[in-house]
N, C-alpha and C. Protein backbone atom coordinates (compact mmCIF):
# COMPACT_ATOMS: atom_id res chain seq x y z
N MET A 1 12.37 5.25 -21.32
CA MET A 1 11.54 4.93 -20.17
C MET A 1 12.02 5.74 -18.97
N LYS A 2 11.06 6.21 -18.19
CA LYS A 2 11.43 6.97 -17.00
C LYS A 2 10.60 6.50 -15.81
N ILE A 3 11.20 6.65 -14.64
CA ILE A 3 10.53 6.31 -13.38
C ILE A 3 10.05 7.59 -12.74
N ARG A 4 8.85 7.54 -12.17
CA ARG A 4 8.30 8.69 -11.45
C ARG A 4 7.31 8.18 -10.42
N ARG A 5 6.85 9.10 -9.57
CA ARG A 5 5.82 8.76 -8.58
C ARG A 5 4.48 8.53 -9.26
N LEU A 6 3.67 7.71 -8.64
CA LEU A 6 2.31 7.44 -9.12
C LEU A 6 1.47 8.72 -9.09
N ALA A 7 0.68 8.92 -10.14
CA ALA A 7 -0.28 10.03 -10.20
C ALA A 7 -1.68 9.44 -10.36
N SER A 8 -2.69 10.17 -9.94
CA SER A 8 -4.06 9.66 -10.05
C SER A 8 -4.44 9.39 -11.51
N SER A 9 -3.82 10.08 -12.43
CA SER A 9 -4.11 9.86 -13.85
C SER A 9 -3.56 8.53 -14.36
N ASP A 10 -2.80 7.80 -13.54
CA ASP A 10 -2.23 6.52 -13.94
C ASP A 10 -3.18 5.34 -13.74
N ASN A 11 -4.30 5.58 -13.10
CA ASN A 11 -5.18 4.47 -12.72
C ASN A 11 -5.65 3.63 -13.90
N ASN A 12 -5.95 4.25 -15.04
CA ASN A 12 -6.41 3.48 -16.20
C ASN A 12 -5.32 2.54 -16.71
N ASP A 13 -4.07 3.02 -16.74
CA ASP A 13 -2.97 2.15 -17.18
C ASP A 13 -2.75 1.00 -16.21
N LEU A 14 -2.84 1.28 -14.91
CA LEU A 14 -2.68 0.21 -13.91
C LEU A 14 -3.83 -0.79 -14.01
N PHE A 15 -5.03 -0.30 -14.25
CA PHE A 15 -6.18 -1.18 -14.43
C PHE A 15 -5.93 -2.13 -15.61
N GLU A 16 -5.40 -1.60 -16.69
CA GLU A 16 -5.10 -2.44 -17.86
C GLU A 16 -4.07 -3.52 -17.50
N ILE A 17 -3.01 -3.13 -16.80
CA ILE A 17 -1.97 -4.09 -16.41
C ILE A 17 -2.56 -5.21 -15.57
N TYR A 18 -3.40 -4.85 -14.61
CA TYR A 18 -3.93 -5.84 -13.67
C TYR A 18 -5.06 -6.68 -14.26
N ASN A 19 -5.39 -6.49 -15.51
CA ASN A 19 -6.41 -7.33 -16.13
C ASN A 19 -5.84 -8.34 -17.10
N PHE A 20 -4.53 -8.53 -17.09
CA PHE A 20 -3.90 -9.60 -17.86
C PHE A 20 -3.89 -10.86 -17.01
N PRO A 21 -4.55 -11.92 -17.47
CA PRO A 21 -4.57 -13.16 -16.68
C PRO A 21 -3.17 -13.67 -16.33
N SER A 22 -2.21 -13.53 -17.25
CA SER A 22 -0.86 -14.01 -16.98
C SER A 22 -0.19 -13.24 -15.85
N LEU A 23 -0.59 -12.01 -15.63
CA LEU A 23 -0.06 -11.23 -14.52
C LEU A 23 -0.82 -11.54 -13.24
N LEU A 24 -2.13 -11.56 -13.33
CA LEU A 24 -2.96 -11.79 -12.14
C LEU A 24 -2.70 -13.13 -11.48
N GLU A 25 -2.35 -14.14 -12.27
CA GLU A 25 -2.16 -15.46 -11.69
C GLU A 25 -0.99 -15.50 -10.70
N ASN A 26 -0.10 -14.52 -10.77
CA ASN A 26 1.03 -14.46 -9.83
C ASN A 26 0.78 -13.48 -8.69
N THR A 27 -0.47 -13.11 -8.47
CA THR A 27 -0.84 -12.25 -7.35
C THR A 27 -1.88 -12.97 -6.50
N SER A 28 -2.33 -12.32 -5.45
CA SER A 28 -3.39 -12.89 -4.62
C SER A 28 -4.76 -12.35 -5.02
N GLN A 29 -4.82 -11.56 -6.10
CA GLN A 29 -6.07 -10.96 -6.55
C GLN A 29 -6.88 -11.95 -7.39
N LEU A 30 -8.19 -11.76 -7.39
CA LEU A 30 -9.08 -12.55 -8.24
C LEU A 30 -9.19 -11.90 -9.62
N PRO A 31 -9.52 -12.68 -10.65
CA PRO A 31 -9.70 -12.09 -11.99
C PRO A 31 -10.85 -11.08 -12.02
N PHE A 32 -10.88 -10.32 -13.08
CA PHE A 32 -11.94 -9.35 -13.36
C PHE A 32 -12.01 -8.25 -12.30
N LEU A 33 -10.84 -7.73 -11.95
CA LEU A 33 -10.82 -6.59 -11.03
C LEU A 33 -11.51 -5.41 -11.69
N ASN A 34 -12.21 -4.62 -10.89
CA ASN A 34 -12.76 -3.39 -11.46
C ASN A 34 -11.82 -2.23 -11.15
N ALA A 35 -12.05 -1.12 -11.80
CA ALA A 35 -11.15 0.03 -11.68
C ALA A 35 -11.05 0.53 -10.24
N GLU A 36 -12.14 0.47 -9.50
CA GLU A 36 -12.14 0.94 -8.11
C GLU A 36 -11.23 0.08 -7.23
N ILE A 37 -11.27 -1.23 -7.43
CA ILE A 37 -10.40 -2.12 -6.65
C ILE A 37 -8.94 -1.83 -6.95
N VAL A 38 -8.60 -1.67 -8.23
CA VAL A 38 -7.22 -1.37 -8.61
C VAL A 38 -6.78 -0.04 -8.00
N GLU A 39 -7.63 0.97 -8.08
CA GLU A 39 -7.30 2.27 -7.50
C GLU A 39 -7.05 2.16 -6.00
N ASN A 40 -7.87 1.37 -5.31
CA ASN A 40 -7.72 1.22 -3.86
C ASN A 40 -6.45 0.47 -3.46
N LEU A 41 -5.89 -0.30 -4.39
CA LEU A 41 -4.63 -0.98 -4.09
C LEU A 41 -3.52 0.03 -3.79
N PHE A 42 -3.66 1.23 -4.32
CA PHE A 42 -2.59 2.22 -4.23
C PHE A 42 -2.96 3.44 -3.39
N ASN A 43 -4.17 3.48 -2.85
CA ASN A 43 -4.67 4.65 -2.13
C ASN A 43 -4.44 4.55 -0.63
N SER A 44 -3.22 4.62 -0.20
CA SER A 44 -2.94 4.61 1.23
C SER A 44 -1.74 5.50 1.50
N PRO A 45 -1.79 6.28 2.57
CA PRO A 45 -0.64 7.11 2.89
C PRO A 45 0.59 6.29 3.28
N ASP A 46 0.38 4.99 3.58
CA ASP A 46 1.49 4.12 3.95
C ASP A 46 2.12 3.44 2.73
N ASN A 47 1.64 3.77 1.54
CA ASN A 47 2.20 3.20 0.31
C ASN A 47 3.04 4.25 -0.41
N TYR A 48 4.13 3.79 -0.98
CA TYR A 48 5.01 4.65 -1.77
C TYR A 48 5.15 3.96 -3.12
N THR A 49 4.46 4.47 -4.14
CA THR A 49 4.40 3.79 -5.43
C THR A 49 5.15 4.57 -6.50
N LEU A 50 5.99 3.84 -7.22
CA LEU A 50 6.70 4.37 -8.37
C LEU A 50 6.20 3.65 -9.61
N VAL A 51 6.19 4.35 -10.73
CA VAL A 51 5.78 3.75 -12.00
C VAL A 51 6.87 3.96 -13.04
N VAL A 52 6.88 3.09 -14.04
CA VAL A 52 7.72 3.27 -15.22
C VAL A 52 6.80 3.69 -16.34
N GLU A 53 7.19 4.76 -16.99
CA GLU A 53 6.40 5.31 -18.09
C GLU A 53 7.18 5.13 -19.39
N SER A 54 6.49 4.65 -20.41
CA SER A 54 7.07 4.52 -21.75
C SER A 54 6.08 5.11 -22.74
N GLN A 55 6.51 6.11 -23.46
CA GLN A 55 5.66 6.78 -24.44
C GLN A 55 4.33 7.21 -23.82
N SER A 56 4.41 7.90 -22.70
CA SER A 56 3.25 8.47 -21.98
C SER A 56 2.28 7.41 -21.46
N ARG A 57 2.76 6.21 -21.26
CA ARG A 57 1.92 5.11 -20.79
C ARG A 57 2.64 4.39 -19.66
N VAL A 58 1.94 4.11 -18.57
CA VAL A 58 2.52 3.36 -17.46
C VAL A 58 2.61 1.90 -17.86
N VAL A 59 3.82 1.33 -17.75
CA VAL A 59 4.03 -0.06 -18.15
C VAL A 59 4.46 -0.94 -16.97
N GLY A 60 4.55 -0.35 -15.79
CA GLY A 60 4.89 -1.13 -14.61
C GLY A 60 4.87 -0.26 -13.38
N HIS A 61 4.79 -0.92 -12.23
CA HIS A 61 4.83 -0.19 -10.96
C HIS A 61 5.52 -1.04 -9.91
N ILE A 62 6.00 -0.36 -8.89
CA ILE A 62 6.46 -1.03 -7.68
C ILE A 62 5.92 -0.22 -6.51
N THR A 63 5.37 -0.90 -5.55
CA THR A 63 4.83 -0.24 -4.37
C THR A 63 5.59 -0.71 -3.15
N ILE A 64 6.03 0.25 -2.35
CA ILE A 64 6.66 -0.03 -1.06
C ILE A 64 5.58 0.21 -0.01
N PHE A 65 5.23 -0.86 0.70
CA PHE A 65 4.20 -0.77 1.74
C PHE A 65 4.90 -0.52 3.08
N LEU A 66 4.89 0.74 3.50
CA LEU A 66 5.55 1.11 4.75
C LEU A 66 4.78 0.54 5.93
N LYS A 67 5.50 0.14 6.95
CA LYS A 67 4.85 -0.43 8.14
C LYS A 67 4.60 0.68 9.14
N ASN A 68 3.47 0.60 9.83
CA ASN A 68 3.14 1.66 10.78
C ASN A 68 3.31 1.24 12.23
N LYS A 69 3.68 0.00 12.48
CA LYS A 69 3.97 -0.42 13.86
C LYS A 69 5.35 0.10 14.23
N ILE A 70 5.45 0.74 15.37
CA ILE A 70 6.66 1.46 15.76
C ILE A 70 7.91 0.58 15.73
N ARG A 71 7.80 -0.68 16.10
CA ARG A 71 8.98 -1.54 16.15
C ARG A 71 9.24 -2.25 14.83
N GLU A 72 8.45 -1.94 13.80
CA GLU A 72 8.66 -2.53 12.48
C GLU A 72 8.90 -1.48 11.40
N LYS A 73 9.02 -0.22 11.80
CA LYS A 73 9.14 0.87 10.82
C LYS A 73 10.42 0.83 10.01
N HIS A 74 11.37 0.01 10.41
CA HIS A 74 12.62 -0.11 9.66
C HIS A 74 12.47 -1.03 8.45
N GLY A 75 11.30 -1.66 8.31
CA GLY A 75 11.07 -2.59 7.22
C GLY A 75 9.84 -2.22 6.41
N ALA A 76 9.76 -2.80 5.23
CA ALA A 76 8.61 -2.59 4.35
C ALA A 76 8.48 -3.80 3.44
N SER A 77 7.28 -4.02 2.94
CA SER A 77 7.10 -5.06 1.93
C SER A 77 6.88 -4.39 0.58
N ILE A 78 7.15 -5.14 -0.46
CA ILE A 78 7.02 -4.56 -1.80
C ILE A 78 6.19 -5.47 -2.69
N ALA A 79 5.56 -4.85 -3.68
CA ALA A 79 4.83 -5.56 -4.72
C ALA A 79 5.17 -4.89 -6.05
N ILE A 80 5.30 -5.70 -7.06
CA ILE A 80 5.71 -5.20 -8.38
C ILE A 80 4.84 -5.84 -9.45
N ALA A 81 4.54 -5.09 -10.49
CA ALA A 81 3.82 -5.63 -11.65
C ALA A 81 4.33 -4.90 -12.89
N VAL A 82 4.53 -5.67 -13.96
CA VAL A 82 5.00 -5.13 -15.23
C VAL A 82 4.07 -5.62 -16.34
N HIS A 83 3.69 -4.71 -17.21
CA HIS A 83 2.84 -5.07 -18.36
C HIS A 83 3.50 -6.22 -19.12
N PRO A 84 2.75 -7.26 -19.47
CA PRO A 84 3.33 -8.41 -20.17
C PRO A 84 4.12 -8.06 -21.43
N ASP A 85 3.74 -7.02 -22.15
CA ASP A 85 4.49 -6.62 -23.35
C ASP A 85 5.89 -6.13 -23.01
N PHE A 86 6.15 -5.85 -21.74
CA PHE A 86 7.45 -5.31 -21.33
C PHE A 86 8.24 -6.29 -20.46
N HIS A 87 7.77 -7.52 -20.35
CA HIS A 87 8.54 -8.54 -19.64
C HIS A 87 9.85 -8.80 -20.38
N GLY A 88 10.92 -8.99 -19.63
CA GLY A 88 12.21 -9.29 -20.24
C GLY A 88 12.91 -8.10 -20.86
N LYS A 89 12.41 -6.90 -20.60
CA LYS A 89 13.00 -5.70 -21.20
C LYS A 89 13.65 -4.78 -20.17
N GLY A 90 13.86 -5.29 -18.96
CA GLY A 90 14.57 -4.52 -17.94
C GLY A 90 13.70 -3.63 -17.07
N VAL A 91 12.40 -3.63 -17.30
CA VAL A 91 11.50 -2.77 -16.52
C VAL A 91 11.46 -3.21 -15.06
N GLY A 92 11.33 -4.51 -14.83
CA GLY A 92 11.29 -5.02 -13.47
C GLY A 92 12.58 -4.72 -12.72
N LYS A 93 13.71 -4.92 -13.38
CA LYS A 93 15.00 -4.63 -12.75
C LYS A 93 15.12 -3.14 -12.43
N MET A 94 14.71 -2.30 -13.37
CA MET A 94 14.75 -0.85 -13.16
C MET A 94 13.92 -0.46 -11.93
N LEU A 95 12.73 -1.02 -11.82
CA LEU A 95 11.86 -0.72 -10.68
C LEU A 95 12.45 -1.24 -9.37
N MET A 96 12.97 -2.46 -9.38
CA MET A 96 13.55 -3.04 -8.16
C MET A 96 14.74 -2.21 -7.69
N LEU A 97 15.61 -1.83 -8.60
CA LEU A 97 16.79 -1.06 -8.21
C LEU A 97 16.40 0.31 -7.67
N GLU A 98 15.40 0.94 -8.26
CA GLU A 98 14.97 2.25 -7.75
C GLU A 98 14.28 2.11 -6.40
N ALA A 99 13.50 1.06 -6.20
CA ALA A 99 12.88 0.83 -4.89
C ALA A 99 13.95 0.63 -3.82
N ILE A 100 15.00 -0.11 -4.15
CA ILE A 100 16.11 -0.31 -3.21
C ILE A 100 16.80 1.02 -2.92
N ASN A 101 17.02 1.83 -3.95
CA ASN A 101 17.61 3.15 -3.75
C ASN A 101 16.75 4.00 -2.82
N GLN A 102 15.45 4.03 -3.08
CA GLN A 102 14.55 4.81 -2.22
C GLN A 102 14.57 4.28 -0.79
N ALA A 103 14.53 2.97 -0.63
CA ALA A 103 14.52 2.36 0.70
C ALA A 103 15.80 2.69 1.47
N ASP A 104 16.94 2.55 0.81
CA ASP A 104 18.24 2.74 1.47
C ASP A 104 18.56 4.21 1.74
N ASN A 105 18.26 5.07 0.78
CA ASN A 105 18.78 6.44 0.82
C ASN A 105 17.76 7.52 1.13
N TRP A 106 16.48 7.19 1.10
CA TRP A 106 15.46 8.21 1.32
C TRP A 106 14.45 7.83 2.39
N LEU A 107 14.10 6.56 2.46
CA LEU A 107 13.06 6.13 3.40
C LEU A 107 13.64 5.56 4.69
N ASN A 108 14.97 5.45 4.76
CA ASN A 108 15.66 4.96 5.96
C ASN A 108 15.18 3.57 6.36
N LEU A 109 15.03 2.70 5.38
CA LEU A 109 14.61 1.33 5.64
C LEU A 109 15.82 0.41 5.68
N VAL A 110 15.74 -0.60 6.51
CA VAL A 110 16.80 -1.59 6.64
C VAL A 110 16.40 -2.89 5.94
N ARG A 111 15.12 -3.20 5.96
CA ARG A 111 14.64 -4.49 5.46
C ARG A 111 13.53 -4.29 4.43
N LEU A 112 13.68 -4.94 3.29
CA LEU A 112 12.62 -5.03 2.29
C LEU A 112 12.24 -6.50 2.18
N GLU A 113 10.95 -6.77 2.08
CA GLU A 113 10.50 -8.16 1.97
C GLU A 113 9.41 -8.28 0.92
N LEU A 114 9.25 -9.49 0.42
CA LEU A 114 8.22 -9.76 -0.58
C LEU A 114 7.87 -11.24 -0.51
N GLU A 115 6.77 -11.58 -1.16
CA GLU A 115 6.37 -12.97 -1.32
C GLU A 115 6.24 -13.24 -2.81
N VAL A 116 6.63 -14.44 -3.23
CA VAL A 116 6.60 -14.80 -4.64
C VAL A 116 6.22 -16.28 -4.77
N HIS A 117 5.36 -16.57 -5.75
CA HIS A 117 5.00 -17.96 -6.02
C HIS A 117 6.25 -18.74 -6.39
N SER A 118 6.37 -19.95 -5.87
CA SER A 118 7.58 -20.75 -6.09
C SER A 118 7.79 -21.13 -7.56
N ASP A 119 6.75 -21.06 -8.38
CA ASP A 119 6.90 -21.40 -9.80
C ASP A 119 7.19 -20.18 -10.67
N ASN A 120 7.32 -19.01 -10.07
CA ASN A 120 7.59 -17.78 -10.82
C ASN A 120 9.11 -17.59 -10.90
N LEU A 121 9.75 -18.44 -11.70
CA LEU A 121 11.21 -18.51 -11.72
C LEU A 121 11.86 -17.23 -12.23
N ALA A 122 11.24 -16.56 -13.19
CA ALA A 122 11.82 -15.30 -13.70
C ALA A 122 11.86 -14.25 -12.59
N ALA A 123 10.78 -14.14 -11.83
CA ALA A 123 10.74 -13.16 -10.74
C ALA A 123 11.75 -13.52 -9.65
N ILE A 124 11.83 -14.78 -9.29
CA ILE A 124 12.79 -15.21 -8.25
C ILE A 124 14.21 -14.89 -8.70
N SER A 125 14.51 -15.14 -9.96
CA SER A 125 15.84 -14.83 -10.49
C SER A 125 16.14 -13.33 -10.40
N LEU A 126 15.17 -12.50 -10.77
CA LEU A 126 15.34 -11.05 -10.67
C LEU A 126 15.59 -10.64 -9.22
N TYR A 127 14.77 -11.13 -8.31
CA TYR A 127 14.90 -10.74 -6.91
C TYR A 127 16.26 -11.14 -6.35
N LYS A 128 16.73 -12.34 -6.68
CA LYS A 128 18.06 -12.77 -6.23
C LYS A 128 19.14 -11.88 -6.84
N HIS A 129 18.97 -11.52 -8.11
CA HIS A 129 19.96 -10.69 -8.80
C HIS A 129 20.15 -9.33 -8.11
N VAL A 130 19.09 -8.78 -7.54
CA VAL A 130 19.19 -7.47 -6.89
C VAL A 130 19.40 -7.58 -5.38
N GLY A 131 19.71 -8.79 -4.90
CA GLY A 131 20.13 -8.94 -3.51
C GLY A 131 19.14 -9.55 -2.54
N PHE A 132 18.01 -10.03 -3.01
CA PHE A 132 17.05 -10.68 -2.13
C PHE A 132 17.44 -12.15 -1.94
N GLU A 133 17.09 -12.68 -0.77
CA GLU A 133 17.33 -14.09 -0.46
C GLU A 133 16.03 -14.73 0.00
N ILE A 134 15.89 -16.02 -0.28
CA ILE A 134 14.73 -16.76 0.22
C ILE A 134 14.95 -17.01 1.70
N GLU A 135 14.01 -16.55 2.52
CA GLU A 135 14.08 -16.76 3.97
C GLU A 135 13.30 -17.98 4.40
N GLY A 136 12.28 -18.32 3.64
CA GLY A 136 11.45 -19.46 4.01
C GLY A 136 10.41 -19.71 2.94
N THR A 137 9.68 -20.79 3.13
CA THR A 137 8.66 -21.18 2.17
C THR A 137 7.38 -21.52 2.92
N LYS A 138 6.29 -20.93 2.47
CA LYS A 138 4.97 -21.26 3.02
C LYS A 138 4.38 -22.34 2.12
N LYS A 139 4.24 -23.53 2.66
CA LYS A 139 3.77 -24.68 1.88
C LYS A 139 2.29 -24.53 1.53
N LEU A 140 1.98 -24.82 0.26
CA LEU A 140 0.59 -24.81 -0.23
C LEU A 140 -0.16 -23.55 0.17
N SER A 141 0.49 -22.42 0.05
CA SER A 141 -0.05 -21.15 0.55
C SER A 141 -0.92 -20.42 -0.46
N ALA A 142 -0.73 -20.68 -1.74
CA ALA A 142 -1.49 -19.97 -2.77
C ALA A 142 -2.26 -20.97 -3.64
N PHE A 143 -3.32 -20.49 -4.24
CA PHE A 143 -4.14 -21.31 -5.13
C PHE A 143 -4.08 -20.69 -6.51
N LYS A 144 -3.64 -21.47 -7.50
CA LYS A 144 -3.44 -20.95 -8.85
C LYS A 144 -3.73 -22.05 -9.86
N SER A 145 -4.53 -21.74 -10.84
CA SER A 145 -4.84 -22.68 -11.92
C SER A 145 -5.32 -24.03 -11.39
N GLY A 146 -6.15 -23.98 -10.35
CA GLY A 146 -6.74 -25.20 -9.81
C GLY A 146 -5.85 -26.02 -8.90
N LYS A 147 -4.67 -25.47 -8.53
CA LYS A 147 -3.73 -26.21 -7.68
C LYS A 147 -3.18 -25.30 -6.59
N TYR A 148 -2.82 -25.92 -5.47
CA TYR A 148 -2.13 -25.19 -4.42
C TYR A 148 -0.64 -25.21 -4.71
N LEU A 149 0.03 -24.12 -4.37
CA LEU A 149 1.47 -24.07 -4.56
C LEU A 149 2.13 -23.32 -3.43
N ASP A 150 3.44 -23.51 -3.33
CA ASP A 150 4.22 -22.88 -2.28
C ASP A 150 4.50 -21.41 -2.63
N VAL A 151 4.73 -20.64 -1.59
CA VAL A 151 5.09 -19.23 -1.73
C VAL A 151 6.39 -19.01 -0.96
N HIS A 152 7.38 -18.43 -1.64
CA HIS A 152 8.65 -18.10 -0.99
C HIS A 152 8.54 -16.72 -0.35
N MET A 153 9.09 -16.61 0.84
CA MET A 153 9.26 -15.32 1.49
C MET A 153 10.72 -14.91 1.25
N MET A 154 10.90 -13.75 0.65
CA MET A 154 12.25 -13.27 0.33
C MET A 154 12.47 -11.92 0.99
N SER A 155 13.73 -11.63 1.30
CA SER A 155 14.03 -10.32 1.87
C SER A 155 15.41 -9.86 1.42
N ARG A 156 15.61 -8.58 1.58
CA ARG A 156 16.91 -7.94 1.37
C ARG A 156 17.16 -7.05 2.57
N ILE A 157 18.32 -7.25 3.19
CA ILE A 157 18.74 -6.41 4.31
C ILE A 157 19.76 -5.41 3.76
N ARG A 158 19.60 -4.16 4.14
CA ARG A 158 20.54 -3.14 3.69
C ARG A 158 21.96 -3.58 4.04
N PRO A 159 22.88 -3.57 3.08
CA PRO A 159 24.21 -4.15 3.30
C PRO A 159 24.96 -3.62 4.52
N ASP A 160 24.81 -2.35 4.85
CA ASP A 160 25.55 -1.83 6.00
C ASP A 160 24.99 -2.32 7.33
N TYR A 161 23.90 -3.08 7.32
CA TYR A 161 23.34 -3.65 8.54
C TYR A 161 23.62 -5.14 8.67
N LEU A 162 24.21 -5.74 7.66
CA LEU A 162 24.50 -7.17 7.72
C LEU A 162 25.63 -7.44 8.70
N VAL A 163 25.50 -8.51 9.46
CA VAL A 163 26.54 -8.90 10.41
C VAL A 163 27.74 -9.41 9.62
N LYS A 164 28.90 -8.93 10.00
CA LYS A 164 30.12 -9.34 9.27
C LYS A 164 30.92 -10.33 10.07
């Protein structure tokens, strides 16, 4: 498996990933996305998207959403998705670690943040493992499977900026 930048030829693989109900339920997207909607998720100059490729097929991505407000440019939010066939195989960890590397060493970011459904225990465990902390919880913020649920706000501050 290798990590590389997103290419326009990856859109079909990303479309396939985003049409798994088990994946979509942990996002804010509605089911039955069309290819144009998926493509538009990644079509912004303020996005920095990396993909993991396995046997010439994209099996996951992570997008760093750069902020364009002058006083927030030191931070970015991230979104990650991994093909269900590759869950538990290190793809998510590989993407998270590379996003952190890019943020710290190339994009000059101090803060990375994300939101995660409170019942997505595997994702929360991964995020904590790579240095993210829960900063707060938005009560009943998401709607999934006919129920409202909480969403955790998590962040990672670049270690050399932490108060000692």
